[in-house]
């Protein structure tokens, strides 16, 4: 089994902390400030924010961030897809998910 080591553990912890206090917009802003200045955002950073957005029922914003990942060349993983499925379920839009994919 291959272990994943994030590029910048401190940035991930900071984003996670901002998400845990419910400041999802601030977490997205932080991700954008990090982009290219401190490090390149990776799938763990995106997943952390997507998870937070879904838990706060902000699924459209999570989908936007998912789309941004693709544009930035960050490959989604099983965690990304499971988180989005969970988000669509909690807002009662599982049918929309089938159309979206």
N, C-alpha and C. Protein backbone atom coordinates (compact mmCIF):
# COMPACT_ATOMS: atom_id res chain seq x y z
N UNK A 1 0.84 -1.18 0.00
CA UNK A 1 0.00 0.00 0.00
C UNK A 1 0.89 1.24 0.00
N UNK A 2 0.60 2.16 -0.90
CA UNK A 2 1.37 3.38 -1.00
C UNK A 2 0.78 4.42 -0.06
N UNK A 3 1.62 5.06 0.69
CA UNK A 3 1.17 6.12 1.58
C UNK A 3 1.24 7.45 0.85
N UNK A 4 0.29 8.31 1.16
CA UNK A 4 0.27 9.63 0.55
C UNK A 4 0.84 10.63 1.55
N UNK A 5 1.82 11.38 1.14
CA UNK A 5 2.39 12.42 1.98
C UNK A 5 2.08 13.77 1.35
N UNK A 6 1.26 14.58 2.00
CA UNK A 6 0.90 15.88 1.45
C UNK A 6 2.13 16.75 1.21
N UNK A 7 2.02 17.62 0.23
CA UNK A 7 3.13 18.51 -0.11
C UNK A 7 3.45 19.48 1.02
N UNK A 8 2.42 20.02 1.62
CA UNK A 8 2.63 21.02 2.65
C UNK A 8 1.65 20.77 3.81
N UNK A 9 2.11 20.01 4.78
CA UNK A 9 1.27 19.60 5.90
C UNK A 9 0.72 20.81 6.66
N UNK A 10 1.52 21.85 6.84
CA UNK A 10 1.06 23.03 7.59
C UNK A 10 -0.09 23.74 6.89
N UNK A 11 -0.02 23.86 5.58
CA UNK A 11 -1.10 24.51 4.84
C UNK A 11 -2.38 23.70 4.96
N UNK A 12 -2.27 22.39 4.90
CA UNK A 12 -3.44 21.53 5.04
C UNK A 12 -4.06 21.68 6.42
N UNK A 13 -3.24 21.70 7.44
CA UNK A 13 -3.75 21.87 8.81
C UNK A 13 -4.43 23.22 8.97
N UNK A 14 -3.87 24.25 8.38
CA UNK A 14 -4.45 25.58 8.47
C UNK A 14 -5.82 25.61 7.77
N UNK A 15 -5.89 25.06 6.58
CA UNK A 15 -7.15 25.00 5.84
C UNK A 15 -8.18 24.18 6.64
N UNK A 16 -7.76 23.06 7.18
CA UNK A 16 -8.65 22.22 7.97
C UNK A 16 -9.18 22.98 9.19
N UNK A 17 -8.32 23.70 9.86
CA UNK A 17 -8.74 24.47 11.04
C UNK A 17 -9.75 25.55 10.69
N UNK A 18 -9.50 26.24 9.58
CA UNK A 18 -10.43 27.29 9.14
C UNK A 18 -11.78 26.66 8.78
N UNK A 19 -11.76 25.50 8.16
CA UNK A 19 -13.01 24.80 7.82
C UNK A 19 -13.75 24.38 9.08
N UNK A 20 -13.04 23.87 10.06
CA UNK A 20 -13.69 23.37 11.27
C UNK A 20 -14.41 24.46 12.05
N UNK A 21 -13.98 25.70 11.92
CA UNK A 21 -14.70 26.78 12.61
C UNK A 21 -15.81 27.35 11.73
N UNK A 22 -16.04 26.71 10.58
CA UNK A 22 -17.15 27.08 9.73
C UNK A 22 -16.88 28.19 8.74
N UNK A 23 -15.64 28.55 8.57
CA UNK A 23 -15.28 29.65 7.67
C UNK A 23 -14.87 29.10 6.30
N UNK A 24 -15.85 28.52 5.60
CA UNK A 24 -15.53 27.90 4.32
C UNK A 24 -15.05 28.90 3.28
N UNK A 25 -15.64 30.07 3.27
CA UNK A 25 -15.22 31.10 2.30
C UNK A 25 -13.77 31.51 2.56
N UNK A 26 -13.41 31.63 3.82
CA UNK A 26 -12.03 31.98 4.17
C UNK A 26 -11.07 30.86 3.76
N UNK A 27 -11.52 29.61 3.88
CA UNK A 27 -10.68 28.48 3.47
C UNK A 27 -10.42 28.51 1.97
N UNK A 28 -11.46 28.85 1.20
CA UNK A 28 -11.30 28.94 -0.26
C UNK A 28 -10.34 30.08 -0.60
N UNK A 29 -10.48 31.20 0.07
CA UNK A 29 -9.57 32.33 -0.15
C UNK A 29 -8.14 31.94 0.19
N UNK A 30 -7.97 31.21 1.27
CA UNK A 30 -6.65 30.75 1.67
C UNK A 30 -6.06 29.82 0.62
N UNK A 31 -6.88 28.92 0.11
CA UNK A 31 -6.43 28.01 -0.95
C UNK A 31 -5.93 28.80 -2.15
N UNK A 32 -6.64 29.83 -2.51
CA UNK A 32 -6.26 30.64 -3.67
C UNK A 32 -5.01 31.46 -3.40
N UNK A 33 -4.81 31.89 -2.16
CA UNK A 33 -3.58 32.62 -1.83
C UNK A 33 -2.37 31.69 -1.81
N UNK A 34 -2.59 30.46 -1.37
CA UNK A 34 -1.51 29.47 -1.33
C UNK A 34 -1.07 29.11 -2.74
N UNK A 35 -2.03 29.08 -3.66
CA UNK A 35 -1.80 28.62 -5.03
C UNK A 35 -0.63 29.36 -5.68
N UNK A 36 0.47 28.64 -5.81
CA UNK A 36 1.63 29.17 -6.49
C UNK A 36 2.57 30.02 -5.65
N UNK A 37 2.10 30.51 -4.50
CA UNK A 37 2.98 31.35 -3.69
C UNK A 37 3.74 30.52 -2.65
N UNK A 38 3.01 29.74 -1.89
CA UNK A 38 3.66 28.92 -0.88
C UNK A 38 3.93 27.51 -1.40
N UNK A 39 2.91 26.95 -2.04
CA UNK A 39 2.98 25.60 -2.58
C UNK A 39 1.86 25.46 -3.60
N UNK A 40 1.85 24.38 -4.29
CA UNK A 40 0.75 24.10 -5.21
C UNK A 40 -0.33 23.34 -4.45
N UNK A 41 -1.58 23.78 -4.53
CA UNK A 41 -2.66 23.03 -3.86
C UNK A 41 -2.73 21.60 -4.40
N UNK A 42 -3.01 20.68 -3.51
CA UNK A 42 -3.10 19.28 -3.91
C UNK A 42 -4.49 18.74 -3.59
N UNK A 43 -4.70 17.48 -3.89
CA UNK A 43 -6.02 16.86 -3.72
C UNK A 43 -6.46 16.88 -2.26
N UNK A 44 -5.55 16.78 -1.32
CA UNK A 44 -5.94 16.79 0.10
C UNK A 44 -6.49 18.16 0.49
N UNK A 45 -5.87 19.22 0.01
CA UNK A 45 -6.37 20.57 0.31
C UNK A 45 -7.76 20.77 -0.27
N UNK A 46 -7.93 20.39 -1.53
CA UNK A 46 -9.25 20.51 -2.16
C UNK A 46 -10.28 19.64 -1.45
N UNK A 47 -9.93 18.41 -1.14
CA UNK A 47 -10.87 17.50 -0.47
C UNK A 47 -11.31 18.05 0.87
N UNK A 48 -10.40 18.66 1.59
CA UNK A 48 -10.73 19.22 2.91
C UNK A 48 -11.82 20.27 2.78
N UNK A 49 -11.67 21.15 1.80
CA UNK A 49 -12.65 22.22 1.62
C UNK A 49 -13.95 21.68 1.03
N UNK A 50 -13.86 20.77 0.08
CA UNK A 50 -15.07 20.17 -0.50
C UNK A 50 -15.88 19.47 0.59
N UNK A 51 -15.20 18.76 1.48
CA UNK A 51 -15.87 18.09 2.59
C UNK A 51 -16.60 19.10 3.48
N UNK A 52 -15.94 20.18 3.80
CA UNK A 52 -16.53 21.21 4.65
C UNK A 52 -17.75 21.83 3.96
N UNK A 53 -17.62 22.14 2.67
CA UNK A 53 -18.74 22.71 1.94
C UNK A 53 -19.93 21.77 1.92
N UNK A 54 -19.69 20.49 1.68
CA UNK A 54 -20.77 19.51 1.65
C UNK A 54 -21.44 19.37 3.02
N UNK A 55 -20.66 19.37 4.07
CA UNK A 55 -21.23 19.24 5.41
C UNK A 55 -22.10 20.45 5.78
N UNK A 56 -21.80 21.60 5.16
CA UNK A 56 -22.60 22.81 5.38
C UNK A 56 -23.67 22.98 4.30
N UNK A 57 -23.91 21.91 3.53
CA UNK A 57 -24.93 21.87 2.48
C UNK A 57 -24.69 22.90 1.38
N UNK A 58 -23.44 23.21 1.14
CA UNK A 58 -23.06 24.13 0.06
C UNK A 58 -22.54 23.33 -1.13
N UNK A 59 -23.38 22.43 -1.61
CA UNK A 59 -22.99 21.50 -2.66
C UNK A 59 -22.66 22.21 -3.97
N UNK A 60 -23.40 23.25 -4.38
CA UNK A 60 -23.00 23.93 -5.63
C UNK A 60 -21.58 24.50 -5.56
N UNK A 61 -21.23 25.05 -4.40
CA UNK A 61 -19.88 25.58 -4.23
C UNK A 61 -18.84 24.45 -4.25
N UNK A 62 -19.20 23.30 -3.68
CA UNK A 62 -18.31 22.15 -3.70
C UNK A 62 -18.10 21.68 -5.14
N UNK A 63 -19.14 21.70 -5.94
CA UNK A 63 -19.03 21.32 -7.35
C UNK A 63 -18.15 22.30 -8.11
N UNK A 64 -18.29 23.58 -7.80
CA UNK A 64 -17.44 24.59 -8.43
C UNK A 64 -15.97 24.33 -8.11
N UNK A 65 -15.70 24.00 -6.85
CA UNK A 65 -14.32 23.72 -6.44
C UNK A 65 -13.81 22.45 -7.11
N UNK A 66 -14.69 21.46 -7.26
CA UNK A 66 -14.34 20.23 -7.97
C UNK A 66 -13.94 20.56 -9.41
N UNK A 67 -14.71 21.42 -10.06
CA UNK A 67 -14.40 21.82 -11.43
C UNK A 67 -13.07 22.57 -11.48
N UNK A 68 -12.81 23.40 -10.50
CA UNK A 68 -11.55 24.13 -10.43
C UNK A 68 -10.37 23.17 -10.33
N UNK A 69 -10.57 22.08 -9.59
CA UNK A 69 -9.50 21.08 -9.47
C UNK A 69 -9.07 20.59 -10.85
N UNK A 70 -10.05 20.27 -11.68
CA UNK A 70 -9.76 19.76 -13.02
C UNK A 70 -8.99 20.79 -13.84
N UNK A 71 -9.44 22.03 -13.78
CA UNK A 71 -8.79 23.10 -14.53
C UNK A 71 -7.33 23.27 -14.07
N UNK A 72 -7.10 23.14 -12.76
CA UNK A 72 -5.76 23.31 -12.20
C UNK A 72 -4.89 22.07 -12.37
N UNK A 73 -5.47 20.99 -12.89
CA UNK A 73 -4.70 19.77 -13.11
C UNK A 73 -4.54 18.90 -11.88
N UNK A 74 -5.40 19.11 -10.90
CA UNK A 74 -5.37 18.29 -9.68
C UNK A 74 -6.37 17.15 -9.88
N UNK A 75 -5.89 15.93 -9.84
CA UNK A 75 -6.75 14.77 -10.08
C UNK A 75 -7.57 14.44 -8.84
N UNK A 76 -8.86 14.26 -9.06
CA UNK A 76 -9.75 13.85 -7.97
C UNK A 76 -9.45 12.40 -7.61
N UNK A 77 -9.74 12.04 -6.37
CA UNK A 77 -9.54 10.66 -5.93
C UNK A 77 -10.85 10.12 -5.37
N UNK A 78 -10.80 8.93 -4.82
CA UNK A 78 -12.01 8.30 -4.29
C UNK A 78 -12.62 9.12 -3.16
N UNK A 79 -11.80 9.80 -2.39
CA UNK A 79 -12.32 10.65 -1.30
C UNK A 79 -13.12 11.80 -1.88
N UNK A 80 -12.64 12.39 -2.95
CA UNK A 80 -13.35 13.50 -3.59
C UNK A 80 -14.74 13.05 -4.03
N UNK A 81 -14.79 11.94 -4.75
CA UNK A 81 -16.07 11.46 -5.27
C UNK A 81 -17.01 11.03 -4.15
N UNK A 82 -16.51 10.35 -3.15
CA UNK A 82 -17.36 9.93 -2.02
C UNK A 82 -17.91 11.14 -1.28
N UNK A 83 -17.10 12.17 -1.12
CA UNK A 83 -17.54 13.39 -0.44
C UNK A 83 -18.65 14.08 -1.22
N UNK A 84 -18.49 14.16 -2.53
CA UNK A 84 -19.53 14.78 -3.35
C UNK A 84 -20.83 13.96 -3.32
N UNK A 85 -20.71 12.65 -3.37
CA UNK A 85 -21.90 11.79 -3.28
C UNK A 85 -22.62 12.04 -1.95
N UNK A 86 -21.85 12.10 -0.87
CA UNK A 86 -22.42 12.38 0.46
C UNK A 86 -23.13 13.74 0.45
N UNK A 87 -22.49 14.74 -0.13
CA UNK A 87 -23.08 16.08 -0.18
C UNK A 87 -24.40 16.09 -0.93
N UNK A 88 -24.44 15.44 -2.08
CA UNK A 88 -25.68 15.38 -2.84
C UNK A 88 -26.76 14.63 -2.06
N UNK A 89 -26.38 13.61 -1.32
CA UNK A 89 -27.35 12.86 -0.51
C UNK A 89 -27.94 13.72 0.59
N UNK A 90 -27.12 14.47 1.30
CA UNK A 90 -27.66 15.23 2.44
C UNK A 90 -28.54 16.39 2.01
N UNK A 91 -28.40 16.85 0.77
CA UNK A 91 -29.30 17.90 0.30
C UNK A 91 -30.46 17.32 -0.51
N UNK A 92 -30.53 15.99 -0.58
CA UNK A 92 -31.63 15.33 -1.27
C UNK A 92 -31.60 15.47 -2.77
N UNK A 93 -30.41 15.56 -3.34
CA UNK A 93 -30.28 15.77 -4.79
C UNK A 93 -29.48 14.66 -5.45
N UNK A 94 -29.64 13.45 -4.99
CA UNK A 94 -28.87 12.35 -5.56
C UNK A 94 -29.17 12.19 -7.05
N UNK A 95 -30.40 12.45 -7.47
CA UNK A 95 -30.75 12.39 -8.89
C UNK A 95 -29.95 13.39 -9.71
N UNK A 96 -29.71 14.57 -9.14
CA UNK A 96 -28.91 15.59 -9.83
C UNK A 96 -27.48 15.13 -10.00
N UNK A 97 -27.00 14.36 -9.07
CA UNK A 97 -25.63 13.85 -9.15
C UNK A 97 -25.48 12.94 -10.36
N UNK A 98 -26.48 12.12 -10.61
CA UNK A 98 -26.42 11.21 -11.75
C UNK A 98 -26.34 11.98 -13.06
N UNK A 99 -27.05 13.09 -13.16
CA UNK A 99 -27.01 13.93 -14.35
C UNK A 99 -25.68 14.67 -14.46
N UNK A 100 -25.14 15.05 -13.31
CA UNK A 100 -23.91 15.85 -13.27
C UNK A 100 -22.73 15.04 -13.76
N UNK A 101 -22.67 13.76 -13.38
CA UNK A 101 -21.58 12.90 -13.82
C UNK A 101 -21.91 12.38 -15.18
